[in-house]
């Protein structure tokens, strides 16, 4: 029972770590895109997709790389 609890806590920590990384990445990309004097636009979001290795999956969707497309909640 104790090892199962420890395993569950370990994986919970991993998932929280991953979510924190993605939240920081989205925040940094928004700042780069919105707050800079020359917004990066699609290039900023394309680099964020490249970092997370999800550009192929996003390209399969067939939508444009825009902020509202990337962070929309179904």
C-alpha atoms as a PDB file:
ATOM      1  CA  UNK A   1       0.000   0.000   0.000  1.00  0.00           C
ATOM      2  CA  UNK A   2       2.810   2.410   0.869  1.00  0.00           C
ATOM      3  CA  UNK A   3       4.673   1.753  -2.390  1.00  0.00           C
ATOM      4  CA  UNK A   4       1.501   2.329  -4.409  1.00  0.00           C
ATOM      5  CA  UNK A   5       0.995   5.664  -2.648  1.00  0.00           C
ATOM      6  CA  UNK A   6       4.622   6.610  -3.258  1.00  0.00           C
ATOM      7  CA  UNK A   7       4.296   5.689  -6.919  1.00  0.00           C
ATOM      8  CA  UNK A   8       1.131   7.740  -7.274  1.00  0.00           C
ATOM      9  CA  UNK A   9       2.792  10.747  -5.635  1.00  0.00           C
ATOM     10  CA  UNK A  10       5.795  10.392  -7.933  1.00  0.00           C
ATOM     11  CA  UNK A  11       3.650  10.422 -11.073  1.00  0.00           C
ATOM     12  CA  UNK A  12       1.512  13.248  -9.748  1.00  0.00           C
ATOM     13  CA  UNK A  13       4.686  15.274  -9.275  1.00  0.00           C
ATOM     14  CA  UNK A  14       5.769  14.499 -12.835  1.00  0.00           C
ATOM     15  CA  UNK A  15       2.440  15.629 -14.269  1.00  0.00           C
ATOM     16  CA  UNK A  16       2.491  18.830 -12.212  1.00  0.00           C
ATOM     17  CA  UNK A  17       6.044  19.492 -13.410  1.00  0.00           C
ATOM     18  CA  UNK A  18       4.963  19.045 -17.029  1.00  0.00           C
ATOM     19  CA  UNK A  19       1.955  21.334 -16.576  1.00  0.00           C
ATOM     20  CA  UNK A  20       4.174  23.971 -14.949  1.00  0.00           C
ATOM     21  CA  UNK A  21       6.608  23.805 -17.888  1.00  0.00           C
ATOM     22  CA  UNK A  22       3.811  24.232 -20.421  1.00  0.00           C
ATOM     23  CA  UNK A  23       2.300  27.138 -18.480  1.00  0.00           C
ATOM     24  CA  UNK A  24       5.682  28.898 -18.361  1.00  0.00           C
ATOM     25  CA  UNK A  25       6.211  28.262 -22.069  1.00  0.00           C
ATOM     26  CA  UNK A  26       2.815  29.733 -22.975  1.00  0.00           C
ATOM     27  CA  UNK A  27       3.441  32.727 -20.708  1.00  0.00           C
ATOM     28  CA  UNK A  28       6.862  33.380 -22.250  1.00  0.00           C
ATOM     29  CA  UNK A  29       5.462  33.081 -25.768  1.00  0.00           C
ATOM     30  CA  UNK A  30       2.598  35.450 -24.995  1.00  0.00           C
ATOM     31  CA  UNK A  31       5.046  37.964 -23.573  1.00  0.00           C
ATOM     32  CA  UNK A  32       7.307  37.607 -26.606  1.00  0.00           C
ATOM     33  CA  UNK A  33       4.399  38.001 -28.993  1.00  0.00           C
ATOM     34  CA  UNK A  34       2.322  40.685 -27.297  1.00  0.00           C
ATOM     35  CA  UNK A  35       4.675  42.818 -25.251  1.00  0.00           C
ATOM     36  CA  UNK A  36       7.608  43.225 -27.621  1.00  0.00           C
ATOM     37  CA  UNK A  37       7.851  46.302 -29.842  1.00  0.00           C
ATOM     38  CA  UNK A  38       7.912  44.006 -32.900  1.00  0.00           C
ATOM     39  CA  UNK A  39       5.534  41.106 -32.264  1.00  0.00           C
ATOM     40  CA  UNK A  40       6.849  37.756 -33.468  1.00  0.00           C
ATOM     41  CA  UNK A  41       3.423  36.440 -34.429  1.00  0.00           C
ATOM     42  CA  UNK A  42       3.328  32.948 -35.894  1.00  0.00           C
ATOM     43  CA  UNK A  43       7.100  32.501 -35.507  1.00  0.00           C
ATOM     44  CA  UNK A  44       6.815  32.713 -31.716  1.00  0.00           C
ATOM     45  CA  UNK A  45       4.061  30.100 -31.582  1.00  0.00           C
ATOM     46  CA  UNK A  46       5.848  27.886 -34.106  1.00  0.00           C
ATOM     47  CA  UNK A  47       8.923  27.863 -31.874  1.00  0.00           C
ATOM     48  CA  UNK A  48       6.776  26.972 -28.850  1.00  0.00           C
ATOM     49  CA  UNK A  49       5.320  24.046 -30.790  1.00  0.00           C
ATOM     50  CA  UNK A  50       8.834  22.986 -31.817  1.00  0.00           C
ATOM     51  CA  UNK A  51      10.026  23.003 -28.198  1.00  0.00           C
ATOM     52  CA  UNK A  52       7.189  20.707 -27.161  1.00  0.00           C
ATOM     53  CA  UNK A  53       7.618  18.554 -30.291  1.00  0.00           C
ATOM     54  CA  UNK A  54       3.936  18.941 -31.176  1.00  0.00           C
ATOM     55  CA  UNK A  55       4.231  20.792 -34.480  1.00  0.00           C
ATOM     56  CA  UNK A  56       3.416  17.681 -36.549  1.00  0.00           C
ATOM     57  CA  UNK A  57       0.295  16.958 -34.510  1.00  0.00           C
ATOM     58  CA  UNK A  58      -0.808  20.581 -34.787  1.00  0.00           C
ATOM     59  CA  UNK A  59      -0.131  20.617 -38.538  1.00  0.00           C
ATOM     60  CA  UNK A  60      -2.349  17.549 -38.897  1.00  0.00           C
ATOM     61  CA  UNK A  61      -5.242  19.614 -37.499  1.00  0.00           C
ATOM     62  CA  UNK A  62      -4.973  21.984 -40.461  1.00  0.00           C
ATOM     63  CA  UNK A  63      -5.464  25.233 -38.519  1.00  0.00           C
ATOM     64  CA  UNK A  64      -3.336  28.357 -38.511  1.00  0.00           C
ATOM     65  CA  UNK A  65      -0.789  28.919 -35.775  1.00  0.00           C
ATOM     66  CA  UNK A  66      -2.461  31.642 -33.728  1.00  0.00           C
ATOM     67  CA  UNK A  67      -2.819  32.264 -30.013  1.00  0.00           C
ATOM     68  CA  UNK A  68      -6.553  31.621 -29.951  1.00  0.00           C
ATOM     69  CA  UNK A  69      -6.081  28.302 -31.803  1.00  0.00           C
ATOM     70  CA  UNK A  70      -3.333  27.063 -29.487  1.00  0.00           C
ATOM     71  CA  UNK A  71      -4.922  27.788 -26.130  1.00  0.00           C
ATOM     72  CA  UNK A  72      -8.587  27.252 -26.898  1.00  0.00           C
ATOM     73  CA  UNK A  73     -10.498  25.122 -24.430  1.00  0.00           C
ATOM     74  CA  UNK A  74     -12.906  22.642 -26.033  1.00  0.00           C
END
